[in-house]
Amino acid sequence: TEAVSNNYISVNNFGYYEDITEIKTCRESGRVDYQLIYVKRGRLIVGKNGNEHILSEGRICLFRPGEAQIYRGNGDATTYFWIHFSGCEAERMLSFFKERSYCVGVFPEFEYYCRGSSHEAITNREFTELLYEGRLIALFARIAEKINSSEKKDDDVSKIRPAIVAMH
């Protein structure tokens, strides 16, 4: 479901494809909601016309509302997970997301969200929607931690790079 919510945060849908080789999504005008994609295995090629970005294993990508959502596979078996969401606080909660994608490494929480939540949807538990929303906010926090940790590692390496070059 493609929708915009005035709620704090709202999950529209989520899912995954496992070991798929034929991947082609072309939403030139994007969607009205956000989309997060996490690649567990394989690669997705995001963008078009020479402005392409490889989304490899362990990377996460954010599409904001109205951004073109164009991605395809390269023929390799690829497993990826996605979540579509909206809400009046979504952009503020994702303010740390400055690049097209980040390396987050192995990310079982994202996988659990997309796999485990689908099982809960089938069981039709009371307050399921609230559970999805709460877990999505927690997932944003984990993404921010992973991105911050990755950026600190990059900063640490850049600080000692002159010493490494001098020793070499």
C-alpha atoms as a PDB file:
ATOM      1  CA  THR A   1       0.000   0.000   0.000  1.00  0.00           C
ATOM      2  CA  GLU A   2       1.342   3.402  -0.951  1.00  0.00           C
ATOM      3  CA  ALA A   3       0.153   6.015   1.522  1.00  0.00           C
ATOM      4  CA  VAL A   4       1.177   9.067   3.508  1.00  0.00           C
ATOM      5  CA  SER A   5       0.292   9.113   7.165  1.00  0.00           C
ATOM      6  CA  ASN A   6       0.053  12.040   9.561  1.00  0.00           C
ATOM      7  CA  ASN A   7       0.809   9.638  12.413  1.00  0.00           C
ATOM      8  CA  TYR A   8       4.158   9.845  14.170  1.00  0.00           C
ATOM      9  CA  ILE A   9       5.388   6.882  12.091  1.00  0.00           C
ATOM     10  CA  SER A  10       3.395   4.404  10.026  1.00  0.00           C
ATOM     11  CA  VAL A  11       4.412   1.199   8.251  1.00  0.00           C
ATOM     12  CA  ASN A  12       2.853   0.767   4.819  1.00  0.00           C
ATOM     13  CA  ASN A  13       4.365  -2.591   3.869  1.00  0.00           C
ATOM     14  CA  PHE A  14       7.501  -4.677   4.028  1.00  0.00           C
ATOM     15  CA  GLY A  15       8.903  -7.874   2.631  1.00  0.00           C
ATOM     16  CA  TYR A  16      11.843  -9.609   1.056  1.00  0.00           C
ATOM     17  CA  TYR A  17      13.053 -11.542  -1.957  1.00  0.00           C
ATOM     18  CA  GLU A  18      15.376 -14.451  -1.437  1.00  0.00           C
ATOM     19  CA  ASP A  19      17.947 -15.599  -4.018  1.00  0.00           C
ATOM     20  CA  ILE A  20      16.160 -13.797  -6.848  1.00  0.00           C
ATOM     21  CA  THR A  21      17.985 -13.210 -10.142  1.00  0.00           C
ATOM     22  CA  GLU A  22      15.389 -11.194 -12.097  1.00  0.00           C
ATOM     23  CA  ILE A  23      15.126  -7.835 -10.343  1.00  0.00           C
ATOM     24  CA  LYS A  24      13.875  -4.680 -11.979  1.00  0.00           C
ATOM     25  CA  THR A  25      12.060  -1.842 -10.251  1.00  0.00           C
ATOM     26  CA  CYS A  26      11.493   1.422 -12.062  1.00  0.00           C
ATOM     27  CA  ARG A  27       9.468   4.058 -10.267  1.00  0.00           C
ATOM     28  CA  GLU A  28      10.623   7.189 -12.107  1.00  0.00           C
ATOM     29  CA  SER A  29       8.560   9.484  -9.872  1.00  0.00           C
ATOM     30  CA  GLY A  30       9.230   7.454  -6.746  1.00  0.00           C
ATOM     31  CA  ARG A  31       6.488   6.889  -4.232  1.00  0.00           C
ATOM     32  CA  VAL A  32       4.744   9.116  -1.721  1.00  0.00           C
ATOM     33  CA  ASP A  33       6.350   7.221   1.160  1.00  0.00           C
ATOM     34  CA  TYR A  34       9.890   6.244   2.184  1.00  0.00           C
ATOM     35  CA  GLN A  35      11.595   2.990   1.296  1.00  0.00           C
ATOM     36  CA  LEU A  36      14.524   1.339   3.086  1.00  0.00           C
ATOM     37  CA  ILE A  37      16.331  -1.524   1.345  1.00  0.00           C
ATOM     38  CA  TYR A  38      18.885  -3.838   2.946  1.00  0.00           C
ATOM     39  CA  VAL A  39      20.911  -6.228   0.768  1.00  0.00           C
ATOM     40  CA  LYS A  40      21.853  -9.404   2.579  1.00  0.00           C
ATOM     41  CA  ARG A  41      23.389 -11.263  -0.365  1.00  0.00           C
ATOM     42  CA  GLY A  42      24.199 -10.329  -3.943  1.00  0.00           C
ATOM     43  CA  ARG A  43      23.954  -6.831  -5.423  1.00  0.00           C
ATOM     44  CA  LEU A  44      21.447  -4.266  -6.565  1.00  0.00           C
ATOM     45  CA  ILE A  45      22.337  -1.535  -9.049  1.00  0.00           C
ATOM     46  CA  VAL A  46      20.581   1.678  -7.995  1.00  0.00           C
ATOM     47  CA  GLY A  47      20.035   4.568 -10.428  1.00  0.00           C
ATOM     48  CA  LYS A  48      20.362   4.865 -14.187  1.00  0.00           C
ATOM     49  CA  ASN A  49      22.114   6.636 -17.064  1.00  0.00           C
ATOM     50  CA  GLY A  50      25.629   6.554 -15.677  1.00  0.00           C
ATOM     51  CA  ASN A  51      24.493   7.731 -12.271  1.00  0.00           C
ATOM     52  CA  GLU A  52      24.477   4.235 -10.841  1.00  0.00           C
ATOM     53  CA  HIS A  53      25.461   3.082  -7.398  1.00  0.00           C
ATOM     54  CA  ILE A  54      26.177  -0.530  -6.419  1.00  0.00           C
ATOM     55  CA  LEU A  55      24.282  -1.693  -3.374  1.00  0.00           C
ATOM     56  CA  SER A  56      26.327  -4.734  -2.328  1.00  0.00           C
ATOM     57  CA  GLU A  57      26.012  -7.170   0.560  1.00  0.00           C
ATOM     58  CA  GLY A  58      25.604  -5.496   3.912  1.00  0.00           C
ATOM     59  CA  ARG A  59      24.499  -2.126   2.507  1.00  0.00           C
ATOM     60  CA  ILE A  60      21.346  -0.212   3.273  1.00  0.00           C
ATOM     61  CA  CYS A  61      19.719   2.394   1.027  1.00  0.00           C
ATOM     62  CA  LEU A  62      17.032   5.000   1.685  1.00  0.00           C
ATOM     63  CA  PHE A  63      14.628   6.419  -0.881  1.00  0.00           C
ATOM     64  CA  ARG A  64      12.768   9.478   0.307  1.00  0.00           C
ATOM     65  CA  PRO A  65       9.282  10.445  -0.950  1.00  0.00           C
ATOM     66  CA  GLY A  66       9.323  11.584  -4.576  1.00  0.00           C
ATOM     67  CA  GLU A  67      12.839  10.240  -5.276  1.00  0.00           C
ATOM     68  CA  ALA A  68      13.117   7.941  -8.263  1.00  0.00           C
ATOM     69  CA  GLN A  69      13.242   4.340  -7.102  1.00  0.00           C
ATOM     70  CA  ILE A  70      15.166   2.642  -9.863  1.00  0.00           C
ATOM     71  CA  TYR A  71      17.103  -0.506  -9.105  1.00  0.00           C
ATOM     72  CA  ARG A  72      17.912  -3.799 -10.780  1.00  0.00           C
ATOM     73  CA  GLY A  73      19.890  -6.938 -10.259  1.00  0.00           C
ATOM     74  CA  ASN A  74      23.014  -7.971 -12.125  1.00  0.00           C
ATOM     75  CA  GLY A  75      21.987 -11.591 -12.690  1.00  0.00           C
ATOM     76  CA  ASP A  76      23.457 -12.899  -9.422  1.00  0.00           C
ATOM     77  CA  ALA A  77      21.209 -14.505  -6.840  1.00  0.00           C
ATOM     78  CA  THR A  78      20.275 -11.635  -4.550  1.00  0.00           C
ATOM     79  CA  THR A  79      18.473 -11.543  -1.222  1.00  0.00           C
ATOM     80  CA  TYR A  80      17.141  -8.185  -0.112  1.00  0.00           C
ATOM     81  CA  PHE A  81      14.618  -6.791   2.338  1.00  0.00           C
ATOM     82  CA  TRP A  82      12.517  -3.630   2.158  1.00  0.00           C
ATOM     83  CA  ILE A  83      10.208  -1.503   4.276  1.00  0.00           C
ATOM     84  CA  HIS A  84       7.858   1.238   3.020  1.00  0.00           C
ATOM     85  CA  PHE A  85       6.758   3.747   5.657  1.00  0.00           C
ATOM     86  CA  SER A  86       5.682   7.343   6.232  1.00  0.00           C
ATOM     87  CA  GLY A  87       4.803   9.616   9.130  1.00  0.00           C
ATOM     88  CA  CYS A  88       5.220  13.193  10.283  1.00  0.00           C
ATOM     89  CA  GLU A  89       8.427  12.346  12.216  1.00  0.00           C
ATOM     90  CA  ALA A  90      10.045  10.051   9.635  1.00  0.00           C
ATOM     91  CA  GLU A  91      12.382  12.685   8.191  1.00  0.00           C
ATOM     92  CA  ARG A  92      13.522  13.900  11.596  1.00  0.00           C
ATOM     93  CA  MET A  93      14.229  10.336  12.721  1.00  0.00           C
ATOM     94  CA  LEU A  94      16.242   9.745   9.537  1.00  0.00           C
ATOM     95  CA  SER A  95      18.162  13.032   9.620  1.00  0.00           C
ATOM     96  CA  PHE A  96      21.403  11.044  10.114  1.00  0.00           C
ATOM     97  CA  PHE A  97      20.921   9.440   6.672  1.00  0.00           C
ATOM     98  CA  LYS A  98      22.990  11.849   4.519  1.00  0.00           C
ATOM     99  CA  GLU A  99      24.324   9.511   1.777  1.00  0.00           C
ATOM    100  CA  ARG A 100      22.467   7.301  -0.712  1.00  0.00           C
ATOM    101  CA  SER A 101      23.641   4.163   1.097  1.00  0.00           C
ATOM    102  CA  TYR A 102      25.788   2.954   3.955  1.00  0.00           C
ATOM    103  CA  CYS A 103      27.540  -0.248   4.893  1.00  0.00           C
ATOM    104  CA  VAL A 104      25.824  -1.723   7.937  1.00  0.00           C
ATOM    105  CA  GLY A 105      27.232  -5.239   7.629  1.00  0.00           C
ATOM    106  CA  VAL A 106      25.265  -8.226   8.836  1.00  0.00           C
ATOM    107  CA  PHE A 107      21.931  -6.884  10.024  1.00  0.00           C
ATOM    108  CA  PRO A 108      19.697  -9.604  11.512  1.00  0.00           C
ATOM    109  CA  GLU A 109      17.358  -7.015  13.052  1.00  0.00           C
ATOM    110  CA  PHE A 110      16.345  -5.758   9.606  1.00  0.00           C
ATOM    111  CA  GLU A 111      15.856  -9.328   8.448  1.00  0.00           C
ATOM    112  CA  TYR A 112      13.825 -10.193  11.534  1.00  0.00           C
ATOM    113  CA  TYR A 113      11.615  -7.157  10.996  1.00  0.00           C
ATOM    114  CA  CYS A 114      10.758  -8.157   7.436  1.00  0.00           C
ATOM    115  CA  ARG A 115      10.459 -11.893   8.131  1.00  0.00           C
ATOM    116  CA  GLY A 116       9.129 -11.980  11.672  1.00  0.00           C
ATOM    117  CA  SER A 117       6.641  -9.207  11.242  1.00  0.00           C
ATOM    118  CA  SER A 118       5.027 -10.994   8.293  1.00  0.00           C
ATOM    119  CA  HIS A 119       4.351 -13.980  10.542  1.00  0.00           C
ATOM    120  CA  GLU A 120       2.764 -11.682  13.125  1.00  0.00           C
ATOM    121  CA  ALA A 121       0.557 -10.134  10.427  1.00  0.00           C
ATOM    122  CA  ILE A 122      -0.826 -13.578   9.662  1.00  0.00           C
ATOM    123  CA  THR A 123      -1.616 -14.229  13.327  1.00  0.00           C
ATOM    124  CA  ASN A 124      -3.589 -10.939  13.430  1.00  0.00           C
ATOM    125  CA  ARG A 125      -2.513  -9.978  16.931  1.00  0.00           C
ATOM    126  CA  GLU A 126      -4.114  -7.069  18.690  1.00  0.00           C
ATOM    127  CA  PHE A 127      -1.938  -3.920  18.526  1.00  0.00           C
ATOM    128  CA  THR A 128       0.105  -5.374  15.636  1.00  0.00           C
ATOM    129  CA  GLU A 129       0.307  -1.966  13.952  1.00  0.00           C
ATOM    130  CA  LEU A 130       1.703  -0.386  17.120  1.00  0.00           C
ATOM    131  CA  LEU A 131       4.228  -3.220  17.362  1.00  0.00           C
ATOM    132  CA  TYR A 132       5.396  -2.585  13.763  1.00  0.00           C
ATOM    133  CA  GLU A 133       5.763   1.127  14.433  1.00  0.00           C
ATOM    134  CA  GLY A 134       7.715   0.626  17.651  1.00  0.00           C
ATOM    135  CA  ARG A 135      10.043  -1.891  16.053  1.00  0.00           C
ATOM    136  CA  LEU A 136      10.611   0.435  13.098  1.00  0.00           C
ATOM    137  CA  ILE A 137      11.693   3.238  15.435  1.00  0.00           C
ATOM    138  CA  ALA A 138      14.044   0.798  17.194  1.00  0.00           C
ATOM    139  CA  LEU A 139      15.362  -0.255  13.778  1.00  0.00           C
ATOM    140  CA  PHE A 140      16.107   3.401  12.924  1.00  0.00           C
ATOM    141  CA  ALA A 141      18.163   3.621  16.133  1.00  0.00           C
ATOM    142  CA  ARG A 142      20.148   0.487  15.190  1.00  0.00           C
ATOM    143  CA  ILE A 143      20.768   1.869  11.694  1.00  0.00           C
ATOM    144  CA  ALA A 144      22.029   5.147  13.177  1.00  0.00           C
ATOM    145  CA  GLU A 145      24.349   3.206  15.517  1.00  0.00           C
ATOM    146  CA  LYS A 146      25.716   1.126  12.656  1.00  0.00           C
ATOM    147  CA  ILE A 147      26.268   4.159  10.432  1.00  0.00           C
ATOM    148  CA  ASN A 148      27.908   6.131  13.244  1.00  0.00           C
ATOM    149  CA  SER A 149      30.166   3.194  14.113  1.00  0.00           C
ATOM    150  CA  SER A 150      31.155   2.761  10.457  1.00  0.00           C
ATOM    151  CA  GLU A 151      31.915   6.484  10.046  1.00  0.00           C
ATOM    152  CA  LYS A 152      34.060   6.519  13.209  1.00  0.00           C
ATOM    153  CA  LYS A 153      36.116   3.620  11.843  1.00  0.00           C
ATOM    154  CA  ASP A 154      36.652   5.561   8.609  1.00  0.00           C
ATOM    155  CA  ASP A 155      37.673   8.668  10.613  1.00  0.00           C
ATOM    156  CA  ASP A 156      40.117   6.642  12.714  1.00  0.00           C
ATOM    157  CA  VAL A 157      41.793   5.236   9.605  1.00  0.00           C
ATOM    158  CA  SER A 158      42.076   8.690   8.022  1.00  0.00           C
ATOM    159  CA  LYS A 159      43.724  10.019  11.203  1.00  0.00           C
ATOM    160  CA  ILE A 160      46.483   7.404  11.143  1.00  0.00           C
ATOM    161  CA  ARG A 161      46.876   7.216   7.358  1.00  0.00           C
ATOM    162  CA  PRO A 162      49.898   9.616   7.307  1.00  0.00           C
ATOM    163  CA  ALA A 163      51.686   7.397   9.842  1.00  0.00           C
ATOM    164  CA  ILE A 164      50.905   4.280   7.798  1.00  0.00           C
ATOM    165  CA  VAL A 165      52.244   5.962   4.643  1.00  0.00           C
ATOM    166  CA  ALA A 166      55.405   7.097   6.483  1.00  0.00           C
ATOM    167  CA  MET A 167      56.027   3.577   7.852  1.00  0.00           C
ATOM    168  CA  HIS A 168      55.500   2.050   4.424  1.00  0.00           C
END
